Amino acid sequence: MSRTLPWSFLLACIGSFAALAVPAAASPAAGGGAEVEVAGSVHLERDGRPGRGTGEAGLAGVAVSNGRDLVRTDAQGRYRIAAVPGDAVFVVKPAGYRFVAGADGLPAFWRRIEAEGDGRVHADFGLQADGRGRAPSAFEVLLFADTQVKDARDIDYYRRDIVEPLGRPRAALGVTLGDLVDDEVGLYPRLNEITAQLGVPWFHVPGNHDLDPDAAGDGDSLRTWKASYGPDTYALEQGAAAFVFLDDVVVQPGQAPGYVGGLREDQFLFLENYLRQLPRERLLVLGMHIPLFDTGGRPTFRAADRARLFALLRDRPRLLLLSGHSHNQRHYRHGAVDGWQGAQPLHEYNVGAACGAFWSGAADAQGIPDATMSDGTPNGSALLTVHGDGSYALAWRPARPPVDDPAFTAAMALHAPKVLRRGAYPAWGVYANVFMGEADTRVEYRVDGGEWQPMRRVERADPRLLLENAADDLAPALRGYDRSPEAVPSTHLWRGALPTGLEAGEHAVEVRAFDRWQGEARASIGYRLEDAGE
């Protein structure tokens, strides 16, 4: 007897099944060429080997897509879909299952379609039960952005700085939000080998530095990427969440810059078809590379595409956007000024870079560069936790917070002058860079255990990074392969004035920040007051 998904799930799909099974002939394809009929099955993998073995039952109701249309498997796990050469046919993983790992250690969830003599392609896909069951429960997702390796040295930094400290995490899945490499697409196999050491099903989104250097236009810009990672737009489901990963880099040959953020017609078609059958109350997470908000005082994402996407998402109560690209970190709440018409602001988390500021800065005792980003955020990775009710929590994990420095914790880094003149005008302050801070984050400080006082949010350069800039300027030789980035105004920096009317000597400063997801976090630093000589 075939193993099937719950009847409640299948019944929920019946009303939209006809819409999902739109023939590919009715849908514009990304490429050209004669259609190919792709047929096969999705089965419950038991022996861990590729291909469907004896006794491996078909799975009913599983969605399969060509990147535009979706169909569902029948009671025996069989599917049939039209595609054109160049398409990637893939499975939309249902909750309660995981993909079998391929030879490269990455999830084997797609098949590149090539023209065959009889116009037919057979493709089977295996899913394993993930041990979590189908009932929604909390799970974790590792978030990387911009690993951006350009050579073997950077890959070694990635291994020692990002991957190995994580060990074998319990995350249900992970994703890298673009710019896997720094224009060196030949590094994909070695990069995948390192990422697979985590033992986590890992997915990828293309970035503007993942393009083939000889591409003539947008249509052939991801040849090497697609050979390694398959579809550039796809979905999967886990627990109470659905994830859609999108290529939002549109190549613009002959223009400056040579790309812009946006989406293609086939991507909108996939989104429309997928969202049509997705329960409205389910948390929907969209992962992409280029942020939906504009940066640098110019349009960086096509306004018409953003408006069309917002219209598709408007009536969904639970949404989260994830992006990379900026090599800074911030939370952006889209509202009416951005064209968002939802009941609540739309949360976009612009994830900090794994490579930080492109693996730059002075090296530590292990030879790993400082890599602090230009907004003062240390390089690292993020953790998304999705709860059974569809709510979520986010946390930033600095790659190398010093273990013996109370002024630099996983949540924040402090800066204060070492010494001030006793009785001087209190014009100098303590600064707190709260890495996950937002405009409404409550940040307070106190001196010598006194009363807590509010700190004021300021948008200015992090003084810790300004010190690195000064050290680079004054050094007679390079302090690293590349110097630290020029400090820019940070969106998550707070300041509190330091009192100078206290007794001469050492004074302790404590700072506490209240994160909406992780609760209270603290750090501490000190300064000294001296009487000036006559």
Protein backbone atom coordinates (compact mmCIF):
# COMPACT_ATOMS: atom_id res chain seq x y z
CA MET A 1 0.00 0.00 0.00
CA SER A 2 1.33 3.46 -0.89
CA ARG A 3 2.29 5.74 1.94
CA THR A 4 0.28 8.96 1.60
CA LEU A 5 0.21 12.41 3.09
CA PRO A 6 -2.60 13.17 5.61
CA TRP A 7 -6.11 13.25 4.12
CA SER A 8 -6.61 16.74 5.55
CA PHE A 9 -3.68 17.92 3.47
CA LEU A 10 -4.91 16.18 0.32
CA LEU A 11 -8.43 17.49 0.72
CA ALA A 12 -7.11 21.02 1.14
CA CYS A 13 -5.39 20.68 -2.21
CA ILE A 14 -8.34 19.34 -4.21
CA GLY A 15 -9.94 22.71 -4.75
CA SER A 16 -6.80 24.13 -6.33
CA PHE A 17 -5.45 21.00 -8.03
CA ALA A 18 -6.79 21.90 -11.44
CA ALA A 19 -5.12 25.29 -11.28
CA LEU A 20 -1.84 23.70 -10.22
CA ALA A 21 -1.79 21.25 -13.09
CA VAL A 22 -1.62 23.95 -15.79
CA PRO A 23 0.20 22.53 -18.82
CA ALA A 24 3.57 24.12 -19.39
CA ALA A 25 2.40 25.01 -22.90
CA ALA A 26 0.17 27.66 -21.35
CA SER A 27 3.08 29.19 -19.44
CA PRO A 28 5.96 31.25 -20.78
CA ALA A 29 9.23 29.39 -20.35
CA ALA A 30 12.50 31.02 -19.43
CA GLY A 31 14.17 29.51 -22.50
CA GLY A 32 13.09 28.17 -25.86
CA GLY A 33 12.96 24.83 -27.57
CA ALA A 34 10.47 22.02 -27.98
CA GLU A 35 8.69 20.73 -24.92
CA VAL A 36 9.81 17.55 -23.22
CA GLU A 37 7.48 15.31 -21.23
CA VAL A 38 8.96 14.62 -17.81
CA ALA A 39 7.46 11.74 -15.86
CA GLY A 40 8.47 9.79 -12.81
CA SER A 41 7.64 9.35 -9.17
CA VAL A 42 8.33 10.69 -5.71
CA HIS A 43 8.92 7.86 -3.25
CA LEU A 44 9.78 7.25 0.36
CA GLU A 45 13.50 6.56 0.40
CA ARG A 46 14.43 3.74 2.78
CA ASP A 47 17.82 2.40 1.71
CA GLY A 48 19.53 5.81 1.29
CA ARG A 49 20.63 5.00 -2.26
CA PRO A 50 19.66 7.00 -5.35
CA GLY A 51 16.75 5.63 -7.34
CA ARG A 52 13.57 3.90 -6.30
CA GLY A 53 14.22 0.50 -4.79
CA THR A 54 11.94 -2.44 -4.11
CA GLY A 55 9.49 -1.67 -1.35
CA GLU A 56 10.00 2.07 -1.49
CA ALA A 57 6.40 3.26 -1.68
CA GLY A 58 5.25 6.27 -3.65
CA LEU A 59 4.23 9.44 -1.84
CA ALA A 60 0.92 11.01 -2.82
CA GLY A 61 0.14 14.71 -2.99
CA VAL A 62 3.73 15.95 -3.34
CA ALA A 63 4.17 19.04 -5.55
CA VAL A 64 6.55 18.90 -8.50
CA SER A 65 7.41 21.97 -10.56
CA ASN A 66 9.21 23.06 -13.72
CA GLY A 67 9.82 26.53 -12.28
CA ARG A 68 6.47 27.85 -13.50
CA ASP A 69 3.75 25.22 -13.12
CA LEU A 70 3.04 22.78 -10.31
CA VAL A 71 1.46 19.33 -10.39
CA ARG A 72 0.93 16.85 -7.57
CA THR A 73 1.75 13.19 -7.42
CA ASP A 74 -1.10 10.68 -7.59
CA ALA A 75 -1.88 7.92 -5.09
CA GLN A 76 1.11 5.89 -6.34
CA GLY A 77 3.47 8.86 -6.16
CA ARG A 78 3.55 9.37 -9.94
CA TYR A 79 3.68 12.73 -11.67
CA ARG A 80 3.84 14.08 -15.20
CA ILE A 81 4.83 17.60 -16.25
CA ALA A 82 5.95 19.37 -19.43
CA ALA A 83 9.28 21.17 -19.54
CA VAL A 84 11.64 22.69 -22.05
CA PRO A 85 15.36 21.91 -22.34
CA GLY A 86 17.21 23.93 -19.74
CA ASP A 87 14.44 23.73 -17.15
CA ALA A 88 15.10 22.23 -13.76
CA VAL A 89 12.24 20.01 -12.60
CA PHE A 90 12.15 19.87 -8.81
CA VAL A 91 10.19 18.64 -5.83
CA VAL A 92 8.59 21.01 -3.33
CA LYS A 93 9.50 19.17 -0.12
CA PRO A 94 6.51 18.73 2.20
CA ALA A 95 6.89 19.10 5.96
CA GLY A 96 7.90 15.92 7.74
CA TYR A 97 10.42 14.86 5.09
CA ARG A 98 13.96 15.65 4.00
CA PHE A 99 15.75 15.23 0.70
CA VAL A 100 18.29 12.52 0.08
CA ALA A 101 21.79 13.94 -0.21
CA GLY A 102 23.46 13.77 -3.62
CA ALA A 103 27.08 12.96 -4.37
CA ASP A 104 28.05 16.56 -3.56
CA GLY A 105 26.40 16.38 -0.14
CA LEU A 106 23.64 18.82 -1.16
CA PRO A 107 19.93 17.92 -1.28
CA ALA A 108 19.06 15.95 -4.45
CA PHE A 109 15.76 17.69 -5.21
CA TRP A 110 16.11 18.67 -8.87
CA ARG A 111 16.88 17.31 -12.32
CA ARG A 112 18.15 19.41 -15.21
CA ILE A 113 16.14 18.64 -18.33
CA GLU A 114 17.99 18.09 -21.59
CA ALA A 115 16.51 17.27 -24.99
CA GLU A 116 16.21 13.52 -25.54
CA GLY A 117 15.50 11.59 -28.70
CA ASP A 118 11.90 10.62 -28.00
CA GLY A 119 10.99 13.86 -26.23
CA ARG A 120 10.49 12.10 -22.90
CA VAL A 121 12.52 12.22 -19.68
CA HIS A 122 12.14 9.97 -16.65
CA ALA A 123 13.05 11.45 -13.26
CA ASP A 124 12.41 9.91 -9.85
CA PHE A 125 12.91 11.71 -6.56
CA GLY A 126 13.34 10.27 -3.07
CA LEU A 127 12.27 11.76 0.25
CA GLN A 128 13.18 10.46 3.69
CA ALA A 129 11.11 10.87 6.83
CA ASP A 130 12.97 13.46 8.90
CA GLY A 131 11.98 12.10 12.32
CA ARG A 132 10.20 15.29 13.29
CA GLY A 133 6.76 14.13 12.21
CA ARG A 134 4.24 16.19 10.33
CA ALA A 135 2.87 18.06 13.35
CA PRO A 136 4.24 21.62 13.43
CA SER A 137 7.08 21.96 15.92
CA ALA A 138 9.89 24.42 16.44
CA PHE A 139 12.89 24.10 14.16
CA GLU A 140 16.00 26.11 13.30
CA VAL A 141 17.35 27.44 10.02
CA LEU A 142 20.94 28.56 9.55
CA LEU A 143 21.27 31.72 7.48
CA PHE A 144 24.46 32.61 5.62
CA ALA A 145 24.85 35.53 3.24
CA ASP A 146 27.74 36.50 1.02
CA THR A 147 30.37 33.88 1.77
CA GLN A 148 32.07 35.55 -1.23
CA VAL A 149 35.22 33.48 -1.57
CA LYS A 150 37.66 34.36 -4.34
CA ASP A 151 40.46 31.84 -3.79
CA ALA A 152 41.65 28.92 -1.68
CA ARG A 153 42.66 31.26 1.14
CA ASP A 154 39.11 32.61 1.46
CA ILE A 155 37.70 29.10 1.42
CA ASP A 156 40.02 28.28 4.31
CA TYR A 157 38.72 31.33 6.20
CA TYR A 158 35.16 30.17 5.52
CA ARG A 159 35.97 26.70 6.83
CA ARG A 160 37.76 27.81 10.01
CA ASP A 161 35.79 30.95 10.78
CA ILE A 162 32.21 30.02 9.89
CA VAL A 163 31.71 26.28 9.35
CA GLU A 164 33.93 24.47 11.85
CA PRO A 165 32.87 26.52 14.92
CA LEU A 166 29.25 25.50 14.25
CA GLY A 167 30.13 21.81 14.54
CA ARG A 168 27.16 19.60 13.64
CA PRO A 169 24.22 21.95 14.31
CA ARG A 170 20.71 20.69 14.88
CA ALA A 171 19.23 22.97 12.23
CA ALA A 172 16.58 21.47 9.95
CA LEU A 173 18.01 23.30 6.95
CA GLY A 174 20.36 26.09 5.92
CA VAL A 175 20.56 28.62 3.10
CA THR A 176 23.21 30.89 1.63
CA LEU A 177 21.56 34.08 0.36
CA GLY A 178 23.74 34.72 -2.67
CA ASP A 179 27.28 35.74 -3.58
CA LEU A 180 28.64 32.33 -2.75
CA VAL A 181 31.81 33.31 -4.60
CA ASP A 182 33.45 36.53 -5.71
CA ASP A 183 33.08 36.00 -9.47
CA GLU A 184 35.08 32.76 -9.32
CA VAL A 185 32.39 30.22 -10.22
CA GLY A 186 34.94 27.42 -10.50
CA LEU A 187 35.12 27.40 -6.69
CA TYR A 188 31.60 25.98 -6.25
CA PRO A 189 32.65 22.32 -5.79
CA ARG A 190 35.18 23.09 -3.06
CA LEU A 191 32.77 25.49 -1.35
CA ASN A 192 30.04 22.81 -1.39
CA GLU A 193 32.45 20.31 0.12
CA ILE A 194 33.05 22.61 3.09
CA THR A 195 29.37 23.50 3.56
CA ALA A 196 28.38 19.81 3.49
CA GLN A 197 30.54 19.25 6.58
CA LEU A 198 27.75 20.86 8.61
CA GLY A 199 25.53 17.84 7.93
CA VAL A 200 22.57 20.18 7.32
CA PRO A 201 20.42 20.10 4.15
CA TRP A 202 21.73 23.23 2.45
CA PHE A 203 20.08 25.41 -0.17
CA HIS A 204 21.37 28.33 -2.20
CA VAL A 205 20.21 31.57 -3.79
CA PRO A 206 22.27 33.15 -6.60
CA GLY A 207 23.84 36.59 -6.19
CA ASN A 208 25.35 39.15 -8.52
CA HIS A 209 28.84 37.68 -7.98
CA ASP A 210 27.64 34.19 -8.95
CA LEU A 211 27.21 35.09 -12.63
CA ASP A 212 29.12 33.56 -15.50
CA PRO A 213 31.70 36.15 -16.61
CA ASP A 214 31.06 35.50 -20.31
CA ALA A 215 27.25 35.78 -20.10
CA ALA A 216 25.64 37.70 -22.94
CA GLY A 217 22.56 38.59 -20.90
CA ASP A 218 20.30 37.61 -18.05
CA GLY A 219 19.11 34.42 -19.75
CA ASP A 220 22.52 32.69 -19.74
CA SER A 221 24.06 34.39 -16.71
CA LEU A 222 23.72 31.39 -14.36
CA ARG A 223 24.88 28.44 -16.47
CA THR A 224 27.56 27.30 -14.02
CA TRP A 225 25.42 28.08 -10.99
CA LYS A 226 22.48 26.05 -12.32
CA ALA A 227 24.72 23.08 -13.09
CA SER A 228 25.68 23.00 -9.40
CA TYR A 229 22.51 24.16 -7.64
CA GLY A 230 19.64 23.55 -10.04
CA PRO A 231 16.61 25.86 -10.09
CA ASP A 232 17.11 29.54 -9.33
CA THR A 233 13.54 29.83 -7.97
CA TYR A 234 11.98 27.06 -5.87
CA ALA A 235 10.09 26.28 -2.66
CA LEU A 236 10.17 23.86 0.24
CA GLU A 237 8.11 23.37 3.38
CA GLN A 238 9.21 22.67 6.93
CA GLY A 239 7.05 22.60 10.04
CA ALA A 240 4.75 25.61 10.14
CA ALA A 241 6.67 27.50 7.44
CA ALA A 242 7.00 27.57 3.68
CA PHE A 243 10.20 28.87 2.07
CA VAL A 244 10.48 30.35 -1.41
CA PHE A 245 13.99 31.09 -2.65
CA LEU A 246 14.27 33.56 -5.52
CA ASP A 247 16.93 34.72 -7.95
CA ASP A 248 16.34 38.49 -7.88
CA VAL A 249 19.44 39.56 -9.82
CA VAL A 250 18.51 40.87 -13.28
CA VAL A 251 21.54 41.28 -15.56
CA GLN A 252 21.64 44.52 -17.58
CA PRO A 253 24.33 44.21 -20.26
CA GLY A 254 26.02 47.47 -21.17
CA GLN A 255 24.54 49.39 -18.25
CA ALA A 256 26.11 50.69 -15.07
CA PRO A 257 25.66 48.91 -12.81
CA GLY A 258 25.38 45.74 -14.82
CA TYR A 259 22.48 44.38 -12.78
CA VAL A 260 19.41 45.48 -10.82
CA GLY A 261 17.09 43.80 -8.35
CA GLY A 262 13.94 42.38 -9.89
CA LEU A 263 11.96 39.29 -10.86
CA ARG A 264 11.14 37.60 -14.17
CA GLU A 265 7.72 36.71 -15.56
CA ASP A 266 8.25 32.97 -15.02
CA GLN A 267 9.09 33.63 -11.36
CA PHE A 268 5.86 35.52 -10.85
CA LEU A 269 3.98 32.66 -12.47
CA PHE A 270 5.59 30.16 -10.10
CA LEU A 271 4.76 32.36 -7.12
CA GLU A 272 1.15 32.77 -8.21
CA ASN A 273 0.71 29.03 -8.69
CA TYR A 274 2.45 28.11 -5.47
CA LEU A 275 0.72 30.68 -3.28
CA ARG A 276 -2.67 29.70 -4.69
CA GLN A 277 -2.43 26.36 -2.87
CA LEU A 278 -0.52 27.49 0.23
CA PRO A 279 -2.68 27.89 3.36
CA ARG A 280 -2.97 31.58 4.13
CA GLU A 281 -2.09 31.22 7.81
CA ARG A 282 1.23 29.49 7.14
CA LEU A 283 4.40 31.51 7.71
CA LEU A 284 5.85 32.39 4.30
CA VAL A 285 9.59 33.11 4.18
CA LEU A 286 11.05 34.58 0.99
CA GLY A 287 14.83 34.39 0.59
CA MET A 288 16.70 36.41 -2.02
CA HIS A 289 19.99 38.22 -2.51
CA ILE A 290 19.28 41.87 -3.35
CA PRO A 291 17.13 43.64 -0.72
CA LEU A 292 13.67 44.85 -1.69
CA PHE A 293 14.40 48.27 -0.16
CA ASP A 294 16.47 50.69 -2.22
CA THR A 295 19.95 51.61 -1.02
CA GLY A 296 22.61 54.20 -1.83
CA GLY A 297 20.14 56.92 -2.74
CA ARG A 298 19.13 55.26 -6.02
CA PRO A 299 16.66 52.58 -7.18
CA THR A 300 18.31 49.19 -6.62
CA PHE A 301 15.16 47.05 -7.02
CA ARG A 302 12.72 47.57 -9.87
CA ALA A 303 9.72 49.43 -8.47
CA ALA A 304 7.18 47.70 -10.71
CA ASP A 305 8.42 44.24 -9.65
CA ARG A 306 8.34 45.20 -5.99
CA ALA A 307 4.76 46.49 -6.34
CA ARG A 308 3.67 43.31 -8.11
CA LEU A 309 5.29 41.12 -5.44
CA PHE A 310 3.73 43.16 -2.66
CA ALA A 311 0.31 42.72 -4.28
CA LEU A 312 0.78 38.93 -4.22
CA LEU A 313 1.78 38.99 -0.55
CA ARG A 314 -0.58 41.65 0.76
CA ASP A 315 -3.25 39.38 2.26
CA ARG A 316 -0.85 36.99 4.00
CA PRO A 317 -0.67 37.63 7.74
CA ARG A 318 2.65 35.88 8.39
CA LEU A 319 5.59 36.93 6.28
CA LEU A 320 9.35 37.28 6.56
CA LEU A 321 11.76 38.49 3.90
CA LEU A 322 15.44 37.52 4.00
CA SER A 323 18.13 39.21 1.89
CA GLY A 324 21.88 39.72 1.75
CA HIS A 325 24.11 41.72 -0.61
CA SER A 326 24.75 44.83 1.51
CA HIS A 327 27.59 43.53 3.76
CA ASN A 328 25.80 45.41 6.53
CA GLN A 329 23.02 44.23 8.81
CA ARG A 330 19.64 45.79 9.43
CA HIS A 331 15.93 45.20 9.84
CA TYR A 332 13.67 47.04 7.43
CA ARG A 333 9.93 47.38 7.99
CA HIS A 334 8.20 48.04 4.67
CA GLY A 335 5.18 50.31 4.99
CA ALA A 336 2.89 52.51 2.91
CA VAL A 337 5.79 54.73 1.81
CA ASP A 338 7.32 51.64 0.17
CA GLY A 339 4.05 50.62 -1.46
CA TRP A 340 3.25 47.92 1.08
CA GLN A 341 -0.50 47.73 1.80
CA GLY A 342 -0.61 44.85 4.29
CA ALA A 343 -2.21 45.11 7.70
CA GLN A 344 1.19 45.12 9.43
CA PRO A 345 4.61 46.38 8.27
CA LEU A 346 6.45 43.79 6.19
CA HIS A 347 9.62 42.68 7.96
CA GLU A 348 12.79 42.27 5.90
CA TYR A 349 15.92 41.06 7.64
CA ASN A 350 18.98 42.06 5.65
CA VAL A 351 21.42 39.41 6.88
CA GLY A 352 25.02 40.34 7.59
CA ALA A 353 27.77 38.76 5.50
CA ALA A 354 29.60 35.58 6.44
CA CYS A 355 32.71 37.12 4.87
CA GLY A 356 31.99 40.41 6.65
CA ALA A 357 33.79 43.10 4.70
CA PHE A 358 35.10 40.69 2.05
CA TRP A 359 37.50 38.89 4.43
CA SER A 360 39.37 42.15 5.09
CA GLY A 361 41.12 43.63 8.11
CA ALA A 362 44.01 42.73 10.35
CA ALA A 363 44.40 39.01 11.09
CA ASP A 364 44.11 37.45 14.56
CA ALA A 365 46.45 34.89 16.13
CA GLN A 366 44.91 32.17 13.95
CA GLY A 367 45.52 34.19 10.79
CA ILE A 368 41.81 34.93 10.21
CA PRO A 369 41.05 38.53 9.21
CA ASP A 370 38.91 40.74 11.44
CA ALA A 371 36.22 41.08 8.70
CA THR A 372 34.06 43.58 10.63
CA MET A 373 31.46 45.10 8.32
CA SER A 374 31.30 48.82 7.59
CA ASP A 375 28.39 49.32 10.02
CA GLY A 376 30.40 47.75 12.85
CA THR A 377 28.69 44.34 12.76
CA PRO A 378 31.12 41.43 13.15
CA ASN A 379 31.00 38.80 10.42
CA GLY A 380 29.14 35.60 11.16
CA SER A 381 25.83 33.86 10.54
CA ALA A 382 22.22 34.15 11.65
CA LEU A 383 19.77 31.71 13.16
CA LEU A 384 16.06 31.67 12.37
CA THR A 385 13.82 29.72 14.75
CA VAL A 386 10.30 28.93 13.56
CA HIS A 387 7.81 27.90 16.23
CA GLY A 388 4.87 25.55 15.86
CA ASP A 389 2.39 28.42 15.74
CA GLY A 390 4.19 30.07 12.80
CA SER A 391 5.88 32.78 14.85
CA TYR A 392 9.63 33.21 14.49
CA ALA A 393 12.74 34.49 16.23
CA LEU A 394 16.05 35.71 14.85
CA ALA A 395 19.56 35.88 16.30
CA TRP A 396 22.96 36.96 14.99
CA ARG A 397 25.99 34.80 15.74
CA PRO A 398 29.31 36.63 15.48
CA ALA A 399 31.98 34.35 14.07
CA ARG A 400 34.58 35.04 16.77
CA PRO A 401 33.36 37.03 19.77
CA PRO A 402 36.35 37.25 22.17
CA VAL A 403 35.84 35.02 25.18
CA ASP A 404 37.57 37.35 27.65
CA ASP A 405 36.18 40.75 26.64
CA PRO A 406 32.95 41.74 28.45
CA ALA A 407 32.61 44.70 26.08
CA PHE A 408 32.14 42.42 23.05
CA THR A 409 29.40 39.82 23.37
CA ALA A 410 27.25 37.91 20.90
CA ALA A 411 24.64 40.68 21.09
CA MET A 412 26.64 43.92 21.10
CA ALA A 413 30.03 45.62 21.20
CA LEU A 414 30.83 48.65 23.37
CA HIS A 415 33.26 51.51 23.02
CA ALA A 416 34.24 54.16 25.59
CA PRO A 417 37.26 56.42 26.14
CA LYS A 418 39.77 54.98 28.54
CA VAL A 419 40.30 58.19 30.53
CA LEU A 420 38.55 61.55 30.94
CA ARG A 421 39.38 64.66 32.95
CA ARG A 422 37.42 64.82 36.16
CA GLY A 423 35.03 67.78 36.05
CA ALA A 424 35.21 68.19 32.27
CA TYR A 425 32.05 68.95 30.33
CA PRO A 426 30.37 65.54 29.74
CA ALA A 427 30.84 65.60 25.98
CA TRP A 428 32.13 62.05 25.63
CA GLY A 429 30.05 58.91 25.60
CA VAL A 430 29.82 55.18 25.70
CA TYR A 431 28.63 53.60 22.44
CA ALA A 432 26.76 50.34 22.04
CA ASN A 433 26.53 48.66 18.64
CA VAL A 434 23.55 46.33 19.14
CA PHE A 435 23.88 44.03 16.15
CA MET A 436 20.19 43.09 15.89
CA GLY A 437 18.92 46.47 17.05
CA GLU A 438 16.00 48.31 15.46
CA ALA A 439 14.70 51.86 15.86
CA ASP A 440 12.42 50.79 18.73
CA THR A 441 15.00 48.65 20.58
CA ARG A 442 15.33 49.67 24.22
CA VAL A 443 18.98 50.20 25.19
CA GLU A 444 20.01 51.47 28.63
CA TYR A 445 23.19 52.06 30.62
CA ARG A 446 24.27 52.72 34.17
CA VAL A 447 27.51 53.75 35.84
CA ASP A 448 28.82 52.13 39.02
CA GLY A 449 25.57 50.26 39.60
CA GLY A 450 23.43 53.40 39.65
CA GLU A 451 20.05 53.97 38.04
CA TRP A 452 19.48 52.72 34.52
CA GLN A 453 19.25 55.51 31.95
CA PRO A 454 18.13 55.39 28.31
CA MET A 455 20.76 55.54 25.60
CA ARG A 456 20.06 57.57 22.49
CA ARG A 457 20.04 55.94 19.07
CA VAL A 458 22.43 57.70 16.69
CA GLU A 459 23.22 57.07 13.04
CA ARG A 460 26.94 57.55 12.83
CA ALA A 461 30.06 55.48 12.29
CA ASP A 462 30.96 52.90 14.93
CA PRO A 463 33.99 54.30 16.82
CA ARG A 464 35.45 50.81 17.14
CA LEU A 465 35.74 50.59 13.37
CA LEU A 466 36.96 54.18 13.15
CA LEU A 467 39.90 53.11 15.32
CA GLU A 468 40.70 50.34 12.83
CA ASN A 469 40.51 52.87 9.99
CA ALA A 470 42.95 55.13 11.85
CA ALA A 471 45.29 52.22 12.58
CA ASP A 472 45.28 51.30 8.88
CA ASP A 473 46.01 54.92 7.96
CA LEU A 474 48.92 55.19 10.36
CA ALA A 475 50.48 51.79 9.72
CA PRO A 476 53.71 51.93 7.65
CA ALA A 477 52.76 48.63 5.98
CA LEU A 478 49.58 46.72 5.22
CA ARG A 479 48.05 45.21 8.36
CA GLY A 480 46.14 42.60 6.35
CA TYR A 481 45.53 41.50 2.78
CA ASP A 482 42.95 44.31 2.56
CA ARG A 483 42.37 47.02 5.11
CA SER A 484 39.15 47.21 7.12
CA PRO A 485 36.24 48.92 5.35
CA GLU A 486 35.66 52.63 5.73
CA ALA A 487 33.16 53.06 8.56
CA VAL A 488 29.67 54.20 7.52
CA PRO A 489 26.71 55.34 9.64
CA SER A 490 25.21 52.35 11.45
CA THR A 491 21.47 51.86 11.89
CA HIS A 492 21.95 50.07 15.23
CA LEU A 493 24.24 52.30 17.31
CA TRP A 494 23.35 53.89 20.67
CA ARG A 495 25.14 56.53 22.78
CA GLY A 496 25.09 57.53 26.43
CA ALA A 497 27.00 60.48 27.93
CA LEU A 498 29.63 59.52 30.51
CA PRO A 499 29.51 61.49 33.78
CA THR A 500 32.69 63.34 34.76
CA GLY A 501 31.63 64.63 38.18
CA LEU A 502 32.38 61.37 40.01
CA GLU A 503 35.37 60.56 42.16
CA ALA A 504 38.73 60.13 40.53
CA GLY A 505 39.53 56.53 39.62
CA GLU A 506 37.96 53.62 37.76
CA HIS A 507 34.25 53.50 36.95
CA ALA A 508 32.18 50.61 35.63
CA VAL A 509 29.65 51.01 32.82
CA GLU A 510 26.96 48.42 32.15
CA VAL A 511 24.74 48.36 29.08
CA ARG A 512 21.62 46.31 28.57
CA ALA A 513 19.59 45.89 25.39
CA PHE A 514 16.18 44.28 25.09
CA ASP A 515 15.90 42.20 21.94
CA ARG A 516 12.36 41.43 20.76
CA TRP A 517 13.28 37.77 20.24
CA GLN A 518 16.20 36.96 22.55
CA GLY A 519 15.29 39.12 25.53
CA GLU A 520 17.79 41.03 27.66
CA ALA A 521 21.49 41.05 26.80
CA ARG A 522 24.27 42.82 28.71
CA ALA A 523 27.83 43.98 28.18
CA SER A 524 30.22 46.05 30.28
CA ILE A 525 33.17 48.40 29.90
CA GLY A 526 35.03 50.85 32.11
CA TYR A 527 36.64 54.30 32.05
CA ARG A 528 38.87 56.28 34.42
CA LEU A 529 38.56 59.84 35.73
CA GLU A 530 41.75 61.75 36.47
CA ASP A 531 42.39 65.14 38.01
CA ALA A 532 44.33 67.33 35.62
CA GLY A 533 47.68 68.60 36.81
CA GLU A 534 48.09 72.27 37.70
